[in-house]
Structures are given as structure tokens and as C-alpha cells.
Amino acid sequence: MTTETSRAVSFPTFDCDVCGARLDPDHMDVAADGAHCTFCGAPQHRPDPGEPVGGPAPASLDVGDELHDARLTRGETLEQASHFTQIRLPYLRALEHDDASVFEPFPGMTYARYFLRDYAEHLGIDPRPLVRRFDREVSTPTVLPLGSMGRLRRAPHPGRWAAGALVLLIVALVASGLWSARRDDGSIDRGRSSATTARAPDLGAQPPSRLSGSAPPLPPAAILATLRTTDRPSWVMVEVNGKVVREMTVPAGETMRFQATRMFSVRLGDAGAVVLVINGDRVPTGGAGSVANLAFTIRDGRVVQR
């Protein structure tokens, strides 16, 4: 009789892994293959109740009895409580067993504190006394506010700067190639107003507001043409180096620029509505409503009108 009492005292109680019943030496069947739950018969991976429990006692959270009694009062199993709270079953079992070791090193005591609060609220008991008791038993890590921490600065990585410079160089080379292809096609820019014309890239031709000024020196064998409609639209057809690059009705107040290396020609449906500038010099186009055909070529390093 004395031996049985000693066993009961030394053996820790725990919940069945299958049915969740609280097991102790009086509710365990010991057979040759180990211990079994007397309620469901499931084998239990626990110490034999006939042997003393050795090793240091696990850290206690001092909240398990109250949680366990509240759950039994609600008539829930641990599996049901885990389903309702979305807290994993091993963590709920550890809280009811006051076993802090389950939370170390992961997920940690901070999460155990959160689980305790949520579980207590689910069971309908005040979580504050349990949390205070938990804090007394378990040393939780101190959480510093973000404002008290200095901003971390990552040292620049030399390899990243070099990679970035290489990418920029590649992009610049690709853009240069695309720009050269557009120049060969003859189309340079087209604006919508005089303000847009002022912002367009200056490739040698003077903007409309400076048509009367002297043009800067031009490289040999280049024809730079600027075509601008006045207060009314005009149909135009433009050829650059023998290839038609524009055939359209240009709205009023719009500017187009072209570059040719051999020949430039333009046909105007309303010559009086178009201002044409070739290499900085304004070229007469004709009267209002008249049709004009104008062609220019390079001869002896100079631009001449045919």
C-alpha cells in the first residue's frame, strides 16, 4: 500500500494523446508492450508508472490546473479546443501541463504568453491573473520599442555598384542604337505646339522663332528639315533618301523634323499653310491653297534645291 502511494505521488499526470483524458497511475493499464489509456486503450509514450520518474522537473507555468478544469467544465476535448482557438494541440497540452520546455527554443515564451491569453479567453476565464502568474514563473524577453533602436544602415556593397553601372552602360548603348535607327528612317521629332517645338531635341535646325537667324555650322552631307503648319492643316508627303516616311494631314500648329543623308523631298497640299526650314534657312513654299513639290539634295558638300 505504501509502495502504490509512492508511485502515485512520483508519477506526473498527463492527457491521453488520443482521447485527451487526464491519466494518472489509477487510469493506466500496464502491459508487456507498455502503458495504455484505460478509457480508449491507446498506447502512451510515457514512463512506466511502476518506475520512479528521474531527471530534473520541467519548468512550471503555474496555470495548467485552472485551464484544464475550465476546459472540462465546458465539456471540450483538447482537439476541439485546438480547432476553435487555432492553437496547435501540443501547445495547449503544454499549457495545461505547465510545461514550458515545449515552447523552447521555438516558438518561444512570447508566443506561449499569447497562446495562454487566447486560450483563457476561449475558455471564458479572465486571462489577466494567469498572465501575471505566467510572467512571474517565466522570464519573457524584453521587447524594445522601435523608437529606442538606432536605424540600421547597411554598408554599400561594391559589387552592386559595379553591376548597376554595367546595367546603365548597356541601357545607354541600346538607346543609342535605337536612336541611330530612327535617324536613318528620317523621322526625328514631332511636336504639337511652339512650346513643344522648343523642348524638342535640337539637331542643327533653328526653331521657328529663330528662322531669320544664322544657322550654326553643319556637318557635310546632311539635310536637316523642319516642317511646321501655321493656323490651318495641310496634307504632306515626305520622302527621305528616296523612301516615303510621312503621308498624312498635319494638324494646325504641329511641327515635324527630318534628317536626310542624300535627298529630301516634300509635297504640300496647301503650300501656304506650311513653313519649311532647310538647314536653318526658310524656304518659300507657295501661296494659300496651292500644291508645291520641293526637293533638296547634297552636291559638293552643300544642300541645293533641285
C-alpha atoms as a PDB file:
ATOM      1  CA  MET A   1       0.000   0.000   0.000  1.00  0.00           C
ATOM      2  CA  THR A   2       2.849   2.300   0.809  1.00  0.00           C
ATOM      3  CA  THR A   3       4.551   1.426  -2.487  1.00  0.00           C
ATOM      4  CA  GLU A   4       1.426   2.264  -4.553  1.00  0.00           C
ATOM      5  CA  THR A   5       1.093   5.641  -2.827  1.00  0.00           C
ATOM      6  CA  SER A   6       4.724   6.422  -3.617  1.00  0.00           C
ATOM      7  CA  ARG A   7       4.175   5.596  -7.249  1.00  0.00           C
ATOM      8  CA  ALA A   8       1.113   7.799  -7.456  1.00  0.00           C
ATOM      9  CA  VAL A   9       2.960  10.719  -5.980  1.00  0.00           C
ATOM     10  CA  SER A  10       6.053  10.383  -8.137  1.00  0.00           C
ATOM     11  CA  PHE A  11       4.235   9.817 -11.455  1.00  0.00           C
ATOM     12  CA  PRO A  12       3.159  13.033 -13.261  1.00  0.00           C
ATOM     13  CA  THR A  13      -0.354  13.268 -14.672  1.00  0.00           C
ATOM     14  CA  PHE A  14      -0.872  13.934 -18.356  1.00  0.00           C
ATOM     15  CA  ASP A  15      -3.526  13.805 -21.089  1.00  0.00           C
ATOM     16  CA  CYS A  16      -4.047  10.849 -23.389  1.00  0.00           C
ATOM     17  CA  ASP A  17      -2.627  11.512 -26.843  1.00  0.00           C
ATOM     18  CA  VAL A  18      -5.814  10.184 -28.458  1.00  0.00           C
ATOM     19  CA  CYS A  19      -8.880  10.896 -26.300  1.00  0.00           C
ATOM     20  CA  GLY A  20      -7.452  13.710 -24.129  1.00  0.00           C
ATOM     21  CA  ALA A  21      -8.401  12.081 -20.803  1.00  0.00           C
ATOM     22  CA  ARG A  22      -6.285  13.068 -17.791  1.00  0.00           C
ATOM     23  CA  LEU A  23      -4.221   9.999 -16.929  1.00  0.00           C
ATOM     24  CA  ASP A  24      -2.528   9.015 -13.687  1.00  0.00           C
ATOM     25  CA  PRO A  25      -1.443   5.620 -12.243  1.00  0.00           C
ATOM     26  CA  ASP A  26      -5.065   4.771 -11.365  1.00  0.00           C
ATOM     27  CA  HIS A  27      -6.130   5.239 -15.025  1.00  0.00           C
ATOM     28  CA  MET A  28      -3.309   3.405 -16.738  1.00  0.00           C
ATOM     29  CA  ASP A  29      -3.158  -0.218 -17.868  1.00  0.00           C
ATOM     30  CA  VAL A  30       0.391  -1.546 -17.835  1.00  0.00           C
ATOM     31  CA  ALA A  31       1.119  -4.465 -20.164  1.00  0.00           C
ATOM     32  CA  ALA A  32       4.181  -6.093 -21.666  1.00  0.00           C
ATOM     33  CA  ASP A  33       4.134  -3.641 -24.575  1.00  0.00           C
ATOM     34  CA  GLY A  34       3.899  -0.576 -22.309  1.00  0.00           C
ATOM     35  CA  ALA A  35       1.237   1.664 -20.763  1.00  0.00           C
ATOM     36  CA  HIS A  36      -2.269   2.093 -22.193  1.00  0.00           C
ATOM     37  CA  CYS A  37      -5.103   4.559 -21.531  1.00  0.00           C
ATOM     38  CA  THR A  38      -7.917   2.850 -19.556  1.00  0.00           C
ATOM     39  CA  PHE A  39     -10.528   4.966 -21.426  1.00  0.00           C
ATOM     40  CA  CYS A  40      -9.610   4.335 -25.075  1.00  0.00           C
ATOM     41  CA  GLY A  41      -6.829   1.731 -24.869  1.00  0.00           C
ATOM     42  CA  ALA A  42      -4.328   3.856 -26.831  1.00  0.00           C
ATOM     43  CA  PRO A  43      -0.651   3.223 -26.028  1.00  0.00           C
ATOM     44  CA  GLN A  44       1.060   6.022 -24.157  1.00  0.00           C
ATOM     45  CA  HIS A  45       4.653   7.072 -24.667  1.00  0.00           C
ATOM     46  CA  ARG A  46       5.154   7.939 -21.021  1.00  0.00           C
ATOM     47  CA  PRO A  47       7.277   6.469 -18.170  1.00  0.00           C
ATOM     48  CA  ASP A  48       6.066   3.220 -16.672  1.00  0.00           C
ATOM     49  CA  PRO A  49       4.011   4.123 -13.577  1.00  0.00           C
ATOM     50  CA  GLY A  50       5.861   1.378 -11.764  1.00  0.00           C
ATOM     51  CA  GLU A  51       9.178   3.200 -12.144  1.00  0.00           C
ATOM     52  CA  PRO A  52      10.193   6.430 -10.446  1.00  0.00           C
ATOM     53  CA  VAL A  53      10.474   9.454 -12.634  1.00  0.00           C
ATOM     54  CA  GLY A  54      14.070  10.643 -12.940  1.00  0.00           C
ATOM     55  CA  GLY A  55      15.726  13.773 -14.250  1.00  0.00           C
ATOM     56  CA  PRO A  56      15.072  17.399 -13.370  1.00  0.00           C
ATOM     57  CA  ALA A  57      11.470  18.565 -13.141  1.00  0.00           C
ATOM     58  CA  PRO A  58      10.295  20.601 -16.156  1.00  0.00           C
ATOM     59  CA  ALA A  59       9.784  24.321 -15.738  1.00  0.00           C
ATOM     60  CA  SER A  60       6.314  25.086 -14.423  1.00  0.00           C
ATOM     61  CA  LEU A  61       3.990  27.730 -15.855  1.00  0.00           C
ATOM     62  CA  ASP A  62       1.621  27.524 -12.851  1.00  0.00           C
ATOM     63  CA  VAL A  63      -1.521  27.890 -14.998  1.00  0.00           C
ATOM     64  CA  GLY A  64      -2.340  24.331 -16.068  1.00  0.00           C
ATOM     65  CA  ASP A  65      -4.861  23.283 -13.402  1.00  0.00           C
ATOM     66  CA  GLU A  66      -7.107  26.261 -13.959  1.00  0.00           C
ATOM     67  CA  LEU A  67      -7.046  25.834 -17.738  1.00  0.00           C
ATOM     68  CA  HIS A  68      -7.691  22.106 -17.502  1.00  0.00           C
ATOM     69  CA  ASP A  69     -10.617  22.493 -15.090  1.00  0.00           C
ATOM     70  CA  ALA A  70     -12.179  25.233 -17.245  1.00  0.00           C
ATOM     71  CA  ARG A  71     -11.955  23.030 -20.335  1.00  0.00           C
ATOM     72  CA  LEU A  72     -13.582  20.090 -18.591  1.00  0.00           C
ATOM     73  CA  THR A  73     -16.340  22.394 -17.362  1.00  0.00           C
ATOM     74  CA  ARG A  74     -17.040  23.392 -20.971  1.00  0.00           C
ATOM     75  CA  GLY A  75     -17.063  19.714 -21.959  1.00  0.00           C
ATOM     76  CA  GLU A  76     -14.382  20.119 -24.641  1.00  0.00           C
ATOM     77  CA  THR A  77     -11.528  17.868 -25.597  1.00  0.00           C
ATOM     78  CA  LEU A  78      -8.105  19.263 -26.346  1.00  0.00           C
ATOM     79  CA  GLU A  79      -8.690  18.564 -30.030  1.00  0.00           C
ATOM     80  CA  GLN A  80     -11.867  20.645 -30.010  1.00  0.00           C
ATOM     81  CA  ALA A  81     -10.155  23.487 -28.151  1.00  0.00           C
ATOM     82  CA  SER A  82      -7.308  23.411 -30.673  1.00  0.00           C
ATOM     83  CA  HIS A  83      -9.809  23.610 -33.525  1.00  0.00           C
ATOM     84  CA  PHE A  84     -11.666  26.566 -32.005  1.00  0.00           C
ATOM     85  CA  THR A  85      -8.579  28.551 -30.990  1.00  0.00           C
ATOM     86  CA  GLN A  86      -6.386  27.628 -33.988  1.00  0.00           C
ATOM     87  CA  ILE A  87      -3.582  26.872 -31.500  1.00  0.00           C
ATOM     88  CA  ARG A  88      -1.681  23.657 -32.140  1.00  0.00           C
ATOM     89  CA  LEU A  89      -2.560  20.764 -29.874  1.00  0.00           C
ATOM     90  CA  PRO A  90       0.960  20.307 -28.384  1.00  0.00           C
ATOM     91  CA  TYR A  91       0.970  23.924 -27.203  1.00  0.00           C
ATOM     92  CA  LEU A  92      -2.430  23.643 -25.477  1.00  0.00           C
ATOM     93  CA  ARG A  93      -1.324  20.408 -23.837  1.00  0.00           C
ATOM     94  CA  ALA A  94       1.887  22.110 -22.650  1.00  0.00           C
ATOM     95  CA  LEU A  95      -0.101  24.978 -21.100  1.00  0.00           C
ATOM     96  CA  GLU A  96      -2.347  22.585 -19.191  1.00  0.00           C
ATOM     97  CA  HIS A  97       0.689  20.590 -18.065  1.00  0.00           C
ATOM     98  CA  ASP A  98       2.639  23.718 -17.014  1.00  0.00           C
ATOM     99  CA  ASP A  99       5.419  22.523 -19.331  1.00  0.00           C
ATOM    100  CA  ALA A 100       7.474  25.479 -20.555  1.00  0.00           C
ATOM    101  CA  SER A 101      10.041  23.313 -22.341  1.00  0.00           C
ATOM    102  CA  VAL A 102       7.691  22.733 -25.309  1.00  0.00           C
ATOM    103  CA  PHE A 103       7.989  26.414 -26.261  1.00  0.00           C
ATOM    104  CA  GLU A 104      11.781  26.483 -26.226  1.00  0.00           C
ATOM    105  CA  PRO A 105      13.551  27.299 -28.395  1.00  0.00           C
ATOM    106  CA  PHE A 106      10.629  27.627 -30.804  1.00  0.00           C
ATOM    107  CA  PRO A 107       8.180  29.326 -30.890  1.00  0.00           C
ATOM    108  CA  GLY A 108       9.415  30.918 -27.652  1.00  0.00           C
ATOM    109  CA  MET A 109       7.955  32.242 -24.427  1.00  0.00           C
ATOM    110  CA  THR A 110       6.486  35.319 -26.116  1.00  0.00           C
ATOM    111  CA  TYR A 111       4.226  33.100 -28.206  1.00  0.00           C
ATOM    112  CA  ALA A 112       3.410  30.977 -25.174  1.00  0.00           C
ATOM    113  CA  ARG A 113       2.149  34.117 -23.443  1.00  0.00           C
ATOM    114  CA  TYR A 114      -0.073  34.952 -26.425  1.00  0.00           C
ATOM    115  CA  PHE A 115      -1.398  31.387 -26.552  1.00  0.00           C
ATOM    116  CA  LEU A 116      -2.200  31.495 -22.844  1.00  0.00           C
ATOM    117  CA  ARG A 117      -4.223  34.693 -23.223  1.00  0.00           C
ATOM    118  CA  ASP A 118      -6.171  33.398 -26.231  1.00  0.00           C
ATOM    119  CA  TYR A 119      -6.828  30.033 -24.629  1.00  0.00           C
ATOM    120  CA  ALA A 120      -8.068  31.594 -21.383  1.00  0.00           C
ATOM    121  CA  GLU A 121     -10.408  33.920 -23.280  1.00  0.00           C
ATOM    122  CA  HIS A 122     -11.763  30.961 -25.246  1.00  0.00           C
ATOM    123  CA  LEU A 123     -12.439  29.049 -22.021  1.00  0.00           C
ATOM    124  CA  GLY A 124     -14.290  32.048 -20.576  1.00  0.00           C
ATOM    125  CA  ILE A 125     -11.888  32.848 -17.755  1.00  0.00           C
ATOM    126  CA  ASP A 126     -10.092  36.096 -17.007  1.00  0.00           C
ATOM    127  CA  PRO A 127      -6.636  35.856 -18.640  1.00  0.00           C
ATOM    128  CA  ARG A 128      -5.036  38.642 -16.600  1.00  0.00           C
ATOM    129  CA  PRO A 129      -4.306  36.685 -13.391  1.00  0.00           C
ATOM    130  CA  LEU A 130      -2.966  33.779 -15.446  1.00  0.00           C
ATOM    131  CA  VAL A 131      -0.733  36.061 -17.497  1.00  0.00           C
ATOM    132  CA  ARG A 132       0.639  37.719 -14.337  1.00  0.00           C
ATOM    133  CA  ARG A 133       1.312  34.297 -12.839  1.00  0.00           C
ATOM    134  CA  PHE A 134       2.974  33.222 -16.093  1.00  0.00           C
ATOM    135  CA  ASP A 135       5.207  36.320 -16.058  1.00  0.00           C
ATOM    136  CA  ARG A 136       6.318  35.551 -12.504  1.00  0.00           C
ATOM    137  CA  GLU A 137       7.258  31.995 -13.377  1.00  0.00           C
ATOM    138  CA  VAL A 138       8.783  32.590 -16.809  1.00  0.00           C
ATOM    139  CA  SER A 139      11.202  35.326 -17.732  1.00  0.00           C
ATOM    140  CA  THR A 140       9.967  36.726 -21.036  1.00  0.00           C
ATOM    141  CA  PRO A 141      12.310  38.642 -23.329  1.00  0.00           C
ATOM    142  CA  THR A 142      12.193  42.405 -23.125  1.00  0.00           C
ATOM    143  CA  VAL A 143      10.667  43.978 -26.222  1.00  0.00           C
ATOM    144  CA  LEU A 144      12.178  47.360 -27.048  1.00  0.00           C
ATOM    145  CA  PRO A 145      10.070  49.958 -28.878  1.00  0.00           C
ATOM    146  CA  LEU A 146      11.207  50.740 -32.364  1.00  0.00           C
ATOM    147  CA  GLY A 147      11.953  54.340 -31.433  1.00  0.00           C
ATOM    148  CA  SER A 148      14.631  53.282 -28.951  1.00  0.00           C
ATOM    149  CA  MET A 149      16.650  51.401 -31.566  1.00  0.00           C
ATOM    150  CA  GLY A 150      19.016  53.132 -33.899  1.00  0.00           C
ATOM    151  CA  ARG A 151      18.309  52.798 -37.565  1.00  0.00           C
ATOM    152  CA  LEU A 152      20.408  50.072 -39.079  1.00  0.00           C
ATOM    153  CA  ARG A 153      22.493  51.148 -42.010  1.00  0.00           C
ATOM    154  CA  ARG A 154      23.777  48.589 -44.431  1.00  0.00           C
ATOM    155  CA  ALA A 155      27.176  49.327 -45.848  1.00  0.00           C
ATOM    156  CA  PRO A 156      27.139  49.707 -49.609  1.00  0.00           C
ATOM    157  CA  HIS A 157      28.285  46.637 -51.466  1.00  0.00           C
ATOM    158  CA  PRO A 158      30.954  47.453 -54.078  1.00  0.00           C
ATOM    159  CA  GLY A 159      29.818  44.642 -56.333  1.00  0.00           C
ATOM    160  CA  ARG A 160      26.284  46.041 -56.504  1.00  0.00           C
ATOM    161  CA  TRP A 161      27.542  49.461 -57.584  1.00  0.00           C
ATOM    162  CA  ALA A 162      29.602  47.856 -60.331  1.00  0.00           C
ATOM    163  CA  ALA A 163      26.652  45.765 -61.512  1.00  0.00           C
ATOM    164  CA  GLY A 164      24.410  48.830 -61.545  1.00  0.00           C
ATOM    165  CA  ALA A 165      26.939  50.828 -63.583  1.00  0.00           C
ATOM    166  CA  LEU A 166      27.214  47.973 -66.088  1.00  0.00           C
ATOM    167  CA  VAL A 167      23.418  47.838 -66.496  1.00  0.00           C
ATOM    168  CA  LEU A 168      23.264  51.605 -67.091  1.00  0.00           C
ATOM    169  CA  LEU A 169      26.018  51.348 -69.705  1.00  0.00           C
ATOM    170  CA  ILE A 170      24.158  48.583 -71.544  1.00  0.00           C
ATOM    171  CA  VAL A 171      20.913  50.596 -71.500  1.00  0.00           C
ATOM    172  CA  ALA A 172      22.731  53.648 -72.875  1.00  0.00           C
ATOM    173  CA  LEU A 173      24.246  51.625 -75.720  1.00  0.00           C
ATOM    174  CA  VAL A 174      20.868  50.104 -76.637  1.00  0.00           C
ATOM    175  CA  ALA A 175      19.194  53.542 -76.588  1.00  0.00           C
ATOM    176  CA  SER A 176      21.960  54.945 -78.805  1.00  0.00           C
ATOM    177  CA  GLY A 177      21.434  52.144 -81.317  1.00  0.00           C
ATOM    178  CA  LEU A 178      17.668  52.727 -81.411  1.00  0.00           C
ATOM    179  CA  TRP A 179      18.201  56.457 -81.910  1.00  0.00           C
ATOM    180  CA  SER A 180      20.564  55.837 -84.821  1.00  0.00           C
ATOM    181  CA  ALA A 181      17.990  53.546 -86.431  1.00  0.00           C
ATOM    182  CA  ARG A 182      15.356  56.272 -86.182  1.00  0.00           C
ATOM    183  CA  ARG A 183      17.712  58.797 -87.748  1.00  0.00           C
ATOM    184  CA  ASP A 184      18.272  56.510 -90.730  1.00  0.00           C
ATOM    185  CA  ASP A 185      14.500  56.356 -91.193  1.00  0.00           C
ATOM    186  CA  GLY A 186      14.494  60.152 -91.348  1.00  0.00           C
ATOM    187  CA  SER A 187      11.907  60.835 -88.632  1.00  0.00           C
ATOM    188  CA  ILE A 188      13.290  62.918 -85.784  1.00  0.00           C
ATOM    189  CA  ASP A 189      10.511  64.503 -83.766  1.00  0.00           C
ATOM    190  CA  ARG A 190       7.020  65.867 -83.993  1.00  0.00           C
ATOM    191  CA  GLY A 191       5.575  68.448 -81.623  1.00  0.00           C
ATOM    192  CA  ARG A 192       2.064  69.747 -81.070  1.00  0.00           C
ATOM    193  CA  SER A 193       2.751  73.405 -80.371  1.00  0.00           C
ATOM    194  CA  SER A 194       5.501  76.001 -80.395  1.00  0.00           C
ATOM    195  CA  ALA A 195       6.233  75.152 -76.751  1.00  0.00           C
ATOM    196  CA  THR A 196       6.686  71.516 -77.693  1.00  0.00           C
ATOM    197  CA  THR A 197       8.941  72.596 -80.528  1.00  0.00           C
ATOM    198  CA  ALA A 198      11.187  74.443 -78.087  1.00  0.00           C
ATOM    199  CA  ARG A 199      11.558  71.291 -75.997  1.00  0.00           C
ATOM    200  CA  ALA A 200      12.324  69.022 -78.964  1.00  0.00           C
ATOM    201  CA  PRO A 201      15.915  67.826 -79.455  1.00  0.00           C
ATOM    202  CA  ASP A 202      17.953  70.389 -81.391  1.00  0.00           C
ATOM    203  CA  LEU A 203      19.781  68.593 -84.197  1.00  0.00           C
ATOM    204  CA  GLY A 204      21.024  71.668 -86.047  1.00  0.00           C
ATOM    205  CA  ALA A 205      17.853  73.336 -87.358  1.00  0.00           C
ATOM    206  CA  GLN A 206      16.700  76.548 -85.696  1.00  0.00           C
ATOM    207  CA  PRO A 207      13.275  76.575 -84.014  1.00  0.00           C
ATOM    208  CA  PRO A 208      10.533  78.591 -85.782  1.00  0.00           C
ATOM    209  CA  SER A 209      11.094  81.628 -83.548  1.00  0.00           C
ATOM    210  CA  ARG A 210      14.703  81.901 -84.849  1.00  0.00           C
ATOM    211  CA  LEU A 211      14.174  81.206 -88.563  1.00  0.00           C
ATOM    212  CA  SER A 212      15.702  84.525 -89.551  1.00  0.00           C
ATOM    213  CA  GLY A 213      18.905  83.971 -87.549  1.00  0.00           C
ATOM    214  CA  SER A 214      22.087  82.439 -88.844  1.00  0.00           C
ATOM    215  CA  ALA A 215      22.376  78.648 -88.609  1.00  0.00           C
ATOM    216  CA  PRO A 216      25.318  77.044 -86.821  1.00  0.00           C
ATOM    217  CA  PRO A 217      27.852  75.176 -88.943  1.00  0.00           C
ATOM    218  CA  LEU A 218      26.514  71.840 -90.158  1.00  0.00           C
ATOM    219  CA  PRO A 219      28.428  68.676 -90.819  1.00  0.00           C
ATOM    220  CA  PRO A 220      28.864  67.956 -94.518  1.00  0.00           C
ATOM    221  CA  ALA A 221      26.377  65.715 -96.331  1.00  0.00           C
ATOM    222  CA  ALA A 222      23.422  66.332 -94.001  1.00  0.00           C
ATOM    223  CA  ILE A 223      19.976  67.787 -94.723  1.00  0.00           C
ATOM    224  CA  LEU A 224      18.014  68.924 -91.685  1.00  0.00           C
ATOM    225  CA  ALA A 225      14.424  69.856 -92.484  1.00  0.00           C
ATOM    226  CA  THR A 226      11.808  71.421 -90.202  1.00  0.00           C
ATOM    227  CA  LEU A 227       8.190  71.455 -91.350  1.00  0.00           C
ATOM    228  CA  ARG A 228       5.541  73.409 -89.412  1.00  0.00           C
ATOM    229  CA  THR A 229       1.887  74.074 -90.155  1.00  0.00           C
ATOM    230  CA  THR A 230       0.511  77.528 -89.354  1.00  0.00           C
ATOM    231  CA  ASP A 231      -3.086  78.225 -88.361  1.00  0.00           C
ATOM    232  CA  ARG A 232      -4.598  75.538 -90.594  1.00  0.00           C
ATOM    233  CA  PRO A 233      -3.790  71.959 -91.528  1.00  0.00           C
ATOM    234  CA  SER A 234      -2.151  70.717 -94.684  1.00  0.00           C
ATOM    235  CA  TRP A 235      -1.670  67.358 -96.380  1.00  0.00           C
ATOM    236  CA  VAL A 236       2.021  66.471 -96.769  1.00  0.00           C
ATOM    237  CA  MET A 237       4.074  63.634 -98.208  1.00  0.00           C
ATOM    238  CA  VAL A 238       7.729  63.451 -97.154  1.00  0.00           C
ATOM    239  CA  GLU A 239      10.496  61.361 -98.750  1.00  0.00           C
ATOM    240  CA  VAL A 240      13.873  60.829 -97.086  1.00  0.00           C
ATOM    241  CA  ASN A 241      16.664  59.258 -99.137  1.00  0.00           C
ATOM    242  CA  GLY A 242      14.070  58.075-101.687  1.00  0.00           C
ATOM    243  CA  LYS A 243      11.743  56.488 -99.107  1.00  0.00           C
ATOM    244  CA  VAL A 244       8.307  57.836 -98.154  1.00  0.00           C
ATOM    245  CA  VAL A 245       8.330  58.338 -94.384  1.00  0.00           C
ATOM    246  CA  ARG A 246       5.220  60.531 -93.932  1.00  0.00           C
ATOM    247  CA  GLU A 247       1.963  60.811 -95.845  1.00  0.00           C
ATOM    248  CA  MET A 248      -0.718  62.446 -93.748  1.00  0.00           C
ATOM    249  CA  THR A 249      -2.755  65.542 -92.989  1.00  0.00           C
ATOM    250  CA  VAL A 250      -0.766  67.505 -90.433  1.00  0.00           C
ATOM    251  CA  PRO A 251      -2.993  69.412 -87.957  1.00  0.00           C
ATOM    252  CA  ALA A 252      -2.558  73.146 -87.489  1.00  0.00           C
ATOM    253  CA  GLY A 253       0.318  74.258 -85.263  1.00  0.00           C
ATOM    254  CA  GLU A 254       2.235  70.989 -85.451  1.00  0.00           C
ATOM    255  CA  THR A 255       5.970  70.645 -86.131  1.00  0.00           C
ATOM    256  CA  MET A 256       7.926  67.766 -87.646  1.00  0.00           C
ATOM    257  CA  ARG A 257      11.662  67.379 -88.148  1.00  0.00           C
ATOM    258  CA  PHE A 258      13.567  65.140 -90.549  1.00  0.00           C
ATOM    259  CA  GLN A 259      17.182  64.335 -91.398  1.00  0.00           C
ATOM    260  CA  ALA A 260      18.465  63.022 -94.717  1.00  0.00           C
ATOM    261  CA  THR A 261      21.926  61.989 -95.840  1.00  0.00           C
ATOM    262  CA  ARG A 262      21.312  62.110 -99.619  1.00  0.00           C
ATOM    263  CA  MET A 263      17.949  63.568-100.634  1.00  0.00           C
ATOM    264  CA  PHE A 264      14.892  65.184 -99.071  1.00  0.00           C
ATOM    265  CA  SER A 265      11.640  65.994-100.863  1.00  0.00           C
ATOM    266  CA  VAL A 266       8.176  67.101 -99.731  1.00  0.00           C
ATOM    267  CA  ARG A 267       4.817  67.558-101.436  1.00  0.00           C
ATOM    268  CA  LEU A 268       2.407  70.055 -99.853  1.00  0.00           C
ATOM    269  CA  GLY A 269      -1.361  70.043-100.387  1.00  0.00           C
ATOM    270  CA  ASP A 270      -1.698  73.604 -99.048  1.00  0.00           C
ATOM    271  CA  ALA A 271       1.692  75.223 -99.516  1.00  0.00           C
ATOM    272  CA  GLY A 272       0.647  78.495 -97.886  1.00  0.00           C
ATOM    273  CA  ALA A 273      -0.135  76.693 -94.608  1.00  0.00           C
ATOM    274  CA  VAL A 274       3.371  75.228 -94.254  1.00  0.00           C
ATOM    275  CA  VAL A 275       6.613  76.833 -93.087  1.00  0.00           C
ATOM    276  CA  LEU A 276       9.648  74.874 -94.351  1.00  0.00           C
ATOM    277  CA  VAL A 277      13.165  75.388 -92.975  1.00  0.00           C
ATOM    278  CA  ILE A 278      16.167  73.605 -94.519  1.00  0.00           C
ATOM    279  CA  ASN A 279      19.413  73.704 -92.547  1.00  0.00           C
ATOM    280  CA  GLY A 280      18.296  76.843 -90.738  1.00  0.00           C
ATOM    281  CA  ASP A 281      17.106  78.756 -93.837  1.00  0.00           C
ATOM    282  CA  ARG A 282      13.438  79.301 -94.549  1.00  0.00           C
ATOM    283  CA  VAL A 283      12.383  78.076 -97.994  1.00  0.00           C
ATOM    284  CA  PRO A 284       9.408  79.658 -99.855  1.00  0.00           C
ATOM    285  CA  THR A 285       6.640  77.106-100.302  1.00  0.00           C
ATOM    286  CA  GLY A 286       3.878  78.897-102.237  1.00  0.00           C
ATOM    287  CA  GLY A 287       0.532  80.587-101.793  1.00  0.00           C
ATOM    288  CA  ALA A 288      -2.518  79.534 -99.834  1.00  0.00           C
ATOM    289  CA  GLY A 289      -4.306  76.547-101.344  1.00  0.00           C
ATOM    290  CA  SER A 290      -1.553  75.813-103.868  1.00  0.00           C
ATOM    291  CA  VAL A 291       0.216  72.465-104.272  1.00  0.00           C
ATOM    292  CA  ALA A 292       4.014  72.509-104.034  1.00  0.00           C
ATOM    293  CA  ASN A 293       6.695  69.923-104.773  1.00  0.00           C
ATOM    294  CA  LEU A 294      10.078  70.718-103.241  1.00  0.00           C
ATOM    295  CA  ALA A 295      13.227  68.592-103.417  1.00  0.00           C
ATOM    296  CA  PHE A 296      16.721  69.024-101.989  1.00  0.00           C
ATOM    297  CA  THR A 297      19.948  67.110-102.438  1.00  0.00           C
ATOM    298  CA  ILE A 298      23.597  67.336-101.426  1.00  0.00           C
ATOM    299  CA  ARG A 299      26.135  68.451-104.000  1.00  0.00           C
ATOM    300  CA  ASP A 300      29.786  69.234-103.333  1.00  0.00           C
ATOM    301  CA  GLY A 301      29.152  69.181 -99.583  1.00  0.00           C
ATOM    302  CA  ARG A 302      26.297  71.724 -99.849  1.00  0.00           C
ATOM    303  CA  VAL A 303      22.498  71.406 -99.801  1.00  0.00           C
ATOM    304  CA  VAL A 304      20.955  72.554-103.095  1.00  0.00           C
ATOM    305  CA  GLN A 305      17.336  72.670-104.231  1.00  0.00           C
ATOM    306  CA  ARG A 306      16.507  70.738-107.355  1.00  0.00           C
END
